[in-house]
Amino acid sequence: MRGIVKKGFLIYFLFLLTTINDNPGFATEPISAENGTGVVTERIVANKPAKQPALPEAEETVQEIRTEVPGKPAVEPAVSSAETDAELIGITPALIEIPAIGESAEVIEVGVTSEGAMEAPANIYQIGWYAPGAMPGSAGNAVMAGHVDGMTSPGTFYNLKKLKPGDEIHITGTEGQALTFIVTETAAYAPEEAPLEKIFGASPESHLNLITCTGPFNEATGHYEERLVVYADLLKQ
């Protein structure tokens, strides 16, 4: 009699398991340890080559409200030359100053648009730093973009085309760190012909590349036909 009861219980238990597995409301895969089960799951993501964004697209409407440029935070103690040679340390930029054209502006973080282009700041007096890329001061190409003008006023990068090799670009970080970059060259490209790897790609050295609109203004599209890129290298202390 006891054997019959055990056999009946086993059949019922197997029936329950079958019912649960067929029910889409129950997960049949291991649950993450974060859910309290103690079972750890791992997700393996295949390594893919980094895809460079397209150059920033001109915005139809941008703000022309001049914002207050943040003051410089207290400067941190300088890093020794031995430390600097061993490792290029990046900073989160807060302020850009370009003495040769008399401009300074707040730097904000920007990312990528749904079309795969680098975002441009919404205000013509702000400069956008491409946060998914390199940090200023670290190995690689840090990229910043700004507007040449708005509907009625010139933007911070209006005179960027006047920069020449040897001019300085000063970047101040959110914690007061100060970096200086030296302009090495300038170039203008049609957006579809820009060397994205040179502008955004990896590098063992620390570079800063500034982007704005330039060239003829196309009345039909309402956009400038070219992009100006100013290339600069970190001045090592």
Protein backbone atom coordinates (compact mmCIF):
# COMPACT_ATOMS: atom_id res chain seq x y z
CA MET A 1 0.00 0.00 0.00
CA ARG A 2 2.81 2.43 0.93
CA GLY A 3 4.52 1.70 -2.43
CA ILE A 4 1.34 2.61 -4.33
CA VAL A 5 1.12 5.95 -2.49
CA LYS A 6 4.75 6.79 -3.26
CA LYS A 7 4.23 5.90 -6.94
CA GLY A 8 1.13 8.09 -7.11
CA PHE A 9 2.95 11.03 -5.48
CA LEU A 10 5.84 10.70 -7.95
CA ILE A 11 3.45 10.79 -10.93
CA TYR A 12 1.74 13.91 -9.53
CA PHE A 13 5.13 15.62 -8.93
CA LEU A 14 6.22 14.95 -12.53
CA PHE A 15 2.90 16.37 -13.74
CA LEU A 16 3.55 19.62 -11.80
CA LEU A 17 7.04 19.98 -13.28
CA THR A 18 5.68 19.56 -16.81
CA THR A 19 2.98 22.16 -16.16
CA ILE A 20 5.45 24.73 -14.80
CA ASN A 21 7.91 24.30 -17.70
CA ASP A 22 5.08 24.81 -20.22
CA ASN A 23 3.90 27.98 -18.47
CA PRO A 24 5.43 31.11 -20.04
CA GLY A 25 4.99 32.95 -16.75
CA PHE A 26 7.83 30.98 -15.17
CA ALA A 27 11.51 31.36 -16.10
CA THR A 28 13.28 28.10 -16.87
CA GLU A 29 16.73 29.74 -17.08
CA PRO A 30 18.93 30.27 -14.00
CA ILE A 31 18.05 33.44 -12.10
CA SER A 32 20.71 36.01 -11.29
CA ALA A 33 22.24 35.99 -7.82
CA GLU A 34 20.96 39.54 -7.43
CA ASN A 35 17.46 38.08 -7.14
CA GLY A 36 18.50 36.17 -4.04
CA THR A 37 18.73 32.61 -5.38
CA GLY A 38 22.50 32.33 -5.16
CA VAL A 39 22.75 31.27 -8.81
CA VAL A 40 25.04 33.53 -10.83
CA THR A 41 24.48 33.94 -14.54
CA GLU A 42 26.99 35.49 -16.94
CA ARG A 43 26.39 37.24 -20.23
CA ILE A 44 29.17 36.91 -22.79
CA VAL A 45 29.38 39.77 -25.28
CA ALA A 46 31.53 39.27 -28.35
CA ASN A 47 34.26 41.85 -28.84
CA LYS A 48 33.36 44.19 -31.68
CA PRO A 49 35.57 46.83 -33.29
CA ALA A 50 34.72 50.31 -32.02
CA LYS A 51 32.54 52.20 -34.48
CA GLN A 52 33.36 55.89 -34.81
CA PRO A 53 30.46 58.36 -34.81
CA ALA A 54 29.80 60.68 -37.71
CA LEU A 55 30.67 64.36 -37.34
CA PRO A 56 28.07 66.52 -35.56
CA GLU A 57 25.12 67.57 -37.67
CA ALA A 58 23.93 71.16 -37.77
CA GLU A 59 20.90 71.76 -35.58
CA GLU A 60 17.82 73.43 -37.01
CA THR A 61 17.38 75.55 -33.88
CA VAL A 62 19.89 76.25 -31.14
CA GLN A 63 19.79 78.46 -28.10
CA GLU A 64 21.52 81.82 -28.30
CA ILE A 65 21.42 82.56 -24.59
CA ARG A 66 24.86 83.35 -23.25
CA THR A 67 25.43 81.34 -20.09
CA GLU A 68 27.85 82.33 -17.35
CA VAL A 69 31.22 80.70 -17.87
CA PRO A 70 32.09 78.74 -14.72
CA GLY A 71 34.98 80.00 -12.66
CA LYS A 72 38.08 77.89 -12.37
CA PRO A 73 37.99 75.44 -9.46
CA ALA A 74 40.98 75.33 -7.16
CA VAL A 75 43.87 73.72 -8.99
CA GLU A 76 45.02 70.38 -7.66
CA PRO A 77 48.71 69.79 -6.89
CA ALA A 78 50.72 69.14 -10.02
CA VAL A 79 51.51 65.56 -10.91
CA SER A 80 55.22 64.74 -10.93
CA SER A 81 56.89 64.25 -14.30
CA ALA A 82 57.63 60.61 -13.42
CA GLU A 83 53.93 59.92 -12.88
CA THR A 84 52.99 61.77 -16.07
CA ASP A 85 55.48 59.83 -18.17
CA ALA A 86 54.22 56.53 -16.76
CA GLU A 87 50.54 57.19 -17.41
CA LEU A 88 48.46 59.77 -19.26
CA ILE A 89 45.72 60.79 -16.84
CA GLY A 90 42.44 62.05 -18.31
CA ILE A 91 40.15 64.66 -16.80
CA THR A 92 36.46 65.51 -17.10
CA PRO A 93 36.48 68.93 -18.80
CA ALA A 94 34.49 71.84 -17.41
CA LEU A 95 36.02 74.87 -19.14
CA ILE A 96 37.80 75.58 -22.42
CA GLU A 97 39.86 78.74 -23.07
CA ILE A 98 41.39 79.74 -26.40
CA PRO A 99 43.49 82.92 -25.88
CA ALA A 100 44.35 83.40 -29.57
CA ILE A 101 40.69 84.13 -30.41
CA GLY A 102 39.67 85.51 -27.01
CA GLU A 103 37.11 82.81 -26.26
CA SER A 104 36.20 80.77 -23.18
CA ALA A 105 33.17 78.57 -22.64
CA GLU A 106 31.56 75.96 -20.44
CA VAL A 107 32.11 72.37 -21.57
CA ILE A 108 29.24 69.90 -21.29
CA GLU A 109 29.05 66.17 -22.01
CA VAL A 110 27.41 64.99 -25.24
CA GLY A 111 26.90 61.56 -26.77
CA VAL A 112 25.58 60.06 -29.99
CA THR A 113 22.34 60.84 -31.85
CA SER A 114 19.92 58.15 -33.00
CA GLU A 115 21.45 58.57 -36.50
CA GLY A 116 24.93 57.71 -35.18
CA ALA A 117 26.40 61.23 -35.28
CA MET A 118 28.12 63.01 -32.43
CA GLU A 119 25.65 65.25 -30.62
CA ALA A 120 26.11 69.01 -30.77
CA PRO A 121 25.37 71.26 -27.78
CA ALA A 122 21.97 72.96 -27.77
CA ASN A 123 23.49 76.37 -26.97
CA ILE A 124 25.86 78.19 -29.34
CA TYR A 125 27.94 79.40 -26.38
CA GLN A 126 28.57 75.94 -24.92
CA ILE A 127 31.05 73.34 -26.12
CA GLY A 128 30.20 69.65 -26.21
CA TRP A 129 32.76 67.03 -25.17
CA TYR A 130 32.23 63.57 -26.71
CA ALA A 131 31.98 61.65 -23.42
CA PRO A 132 31.92 58.11 -24.94
CA GLY A 133 35.38 58.79 -26.34
CA ALA A 134 38.72 59.74 -24.81
CA MET A 135 39.07 62.16 -21.90
CA PRO A 136 41.32 65.19 -22.38
CA GLY A 137 44.77 64.27 -21.11
CA SER A 138 44.35 60.52 -21.55
CA ALA A 139 45.77 58.49 -24.42
CA GLY A 140 43.57 58.91 -27.48
CA ASN A 141 41.64 61.62 -29.31
CA ALA A 142 39.41 63.73 -27.07
CA VAL A 143 36.82 65.48 -29.24
CA MET A 144 34.86 68.68 -28.60
CA ALA A 145 32.34 70.39 -30.87
CA GLY A 146 30.74 73.82 -30.87
CA HIS A 147 28.56 75.98 -33.11
CA VAL A 148 30.03 78.54 -35.44
CA ASP A 149 26.92 80.71 -35.11
CA GLY A 150 23.19 80.83 -34.52
CA MET A 151 20.40 82.64 -36.34
CA THR A 152 21.51 86.06 -35.13
CA SER A 153 24.82 85.74 -33.27
CA PRO A 154 28.26 84.19 -33.68
CA GLY A 155 28.96 81.14 -31.54
CA THR A 156 31.98 80.40 -29.36
CA PHE A 157 33.75 78.67 -32.24
CA TYR A 158 33.03 81.42 -34.79
CA ASN A 159 36.73 82.35 -35.06
CA LEU A 160 38.09 78.81 -34.68
CA LYS A 161 39.20 79.02 -38.32
CA LYS A 162 41.74 81.66 -37.30
CA LEU A 163 43.75 79.26 -35.16
CA LYS A 164 47.17 78.28 -36.44
CA PRO A 165 49.85 75.80 -35.38
CA GLY A 166 51.43 76.82 -32.09
CA ASP A 167 48.28 78.39 -30.60
CA GLU A 168 47.27 77.16 -27.15
CA ILE A 169 44.03 75.61 -25.94
CA HIS A 170 43.53 75.45 -22.18
CA ILE A 171 41.23 72.86 -20.58
CA THR A 172 40.21 72.98 -16.92
CA GLY A 173 38.72 69.89 -15.30
CA THR A 174 35.82 69.60 -12.89
CA GLU A 175 38.30 69.20 -10.03
CA GLY A 176 40.55 72.06 -11.06
CA GLN A 177 43.09 70.13 -13.12
CA ALA A 178 44.66 72.25 -15.86
CA LEU A 179 45.88 70.99 -19.24
CA THR A 180 47.31 72.83 -22.23
CA PHE A 181 47.12 71.59 -25.82
CA ILE A 182 49.09 73.02 -28.74
CA VAL A 183 47.45 73.33 -32.16
CA THR A 184 49.27 71.27 -34.78
CA GLU A 185 47.04 71.61 -37.85
CA THR A 186 43.59 72.57 -39.12
CA ALA A 187 41.58 70.98 -41.92
CA ALA A 188 38.12 71.29 -43.50
CA TYR A 189 36.15 68.30 -44.78
CA ALA A 190 32.82 67.51 -46.33
CA PRO A 191 31.05 65.53 -43.55
CA GLU A 192 31.00 62.31 -45.55
CA GLU A 193 34.74 62.59 -46.31
CA ALA A 194 36.01 63.31 -42.80
CA PRO A 195 38.74 60.92 -41.52
CA LEU A 196 36.75 59.59 -38.54
CA GLU A 197 39.54 57.31 -37.33
CA LYS A 198 41.98 60.22 -37.20
CA ILE A 199 39.46 62.40 -35.37
CA PHE A 200 37.92 59.88 -32.94
CA GLY A 201 40.20 56.83 -33.06
CA ALA A 202 42.67 55.37 -30.58
CA SER A 203 46.18 56.76 -30.13
CA PRO A 204 49.05 56.18 -27.69
CA GLU A 205 49.42 59.96 -27.42
CA SER A 206 47.00 62.54 -25.99
CA HIS A 207 45.22 64.69 -28.57
CA LEU A 208 42.37 67.21 -28.53
CA ASN A 209 40.32 67.79 -31.67
CA LEU A 210 37.86 70.68 -31.98
CA ILE A 211 35.03 70.61 -34.54
CA THR A 212 32.71 73.28 -35.92
CA CYS A 213 30.90 74.14 -39.16
CA THR A 214 32.66 75.96 -41.98
CA GLY A 215 32.61 76.45 -45.74
CA PRO A 216 29.76 77.77 -47.89
CA PHE A 217 26.31 78.01 -46.34
CA ASN A 218 23.77 76.05 -48.35
CA GLU A 219 20.53 78.05 -48.43
CA ALA A 220 18.57 75.05 -49.68
CA THR A 221 19.54 72.77 -46.78
CA GLY A 222 20.12 75.49 -44.20
CA HIS A 223 23.49 73.94 -43.30
CA TYR A 224 27.17 74.67 -43.82
CA GLU A 225 28.72 72.30 -46.34
CA GLU A 226 31.94 71.51 -44.47
CA ARG A 227 33.29 70.78 -41.00
CA LEU A 228 36.44 72.41 -39.63
CA VAL A 229 38.67 70.26 -37.43
CA VAL A 230 41.44 71.76 -35.31
CA TYR A 231 43.98 69.16 -34.17
CA ALA A 232 46.03 69.74 -31.01
CA ASP A 233 48.55 67.77 -28.93
CA LEU A 234 48.95 67.75 -25.15
CA LEU A 235 51.75 69.94 -23.85
CA LYS A 236 53.59 67.72 -21.39
CA GLN A 237 54.65 69.46 -18.21
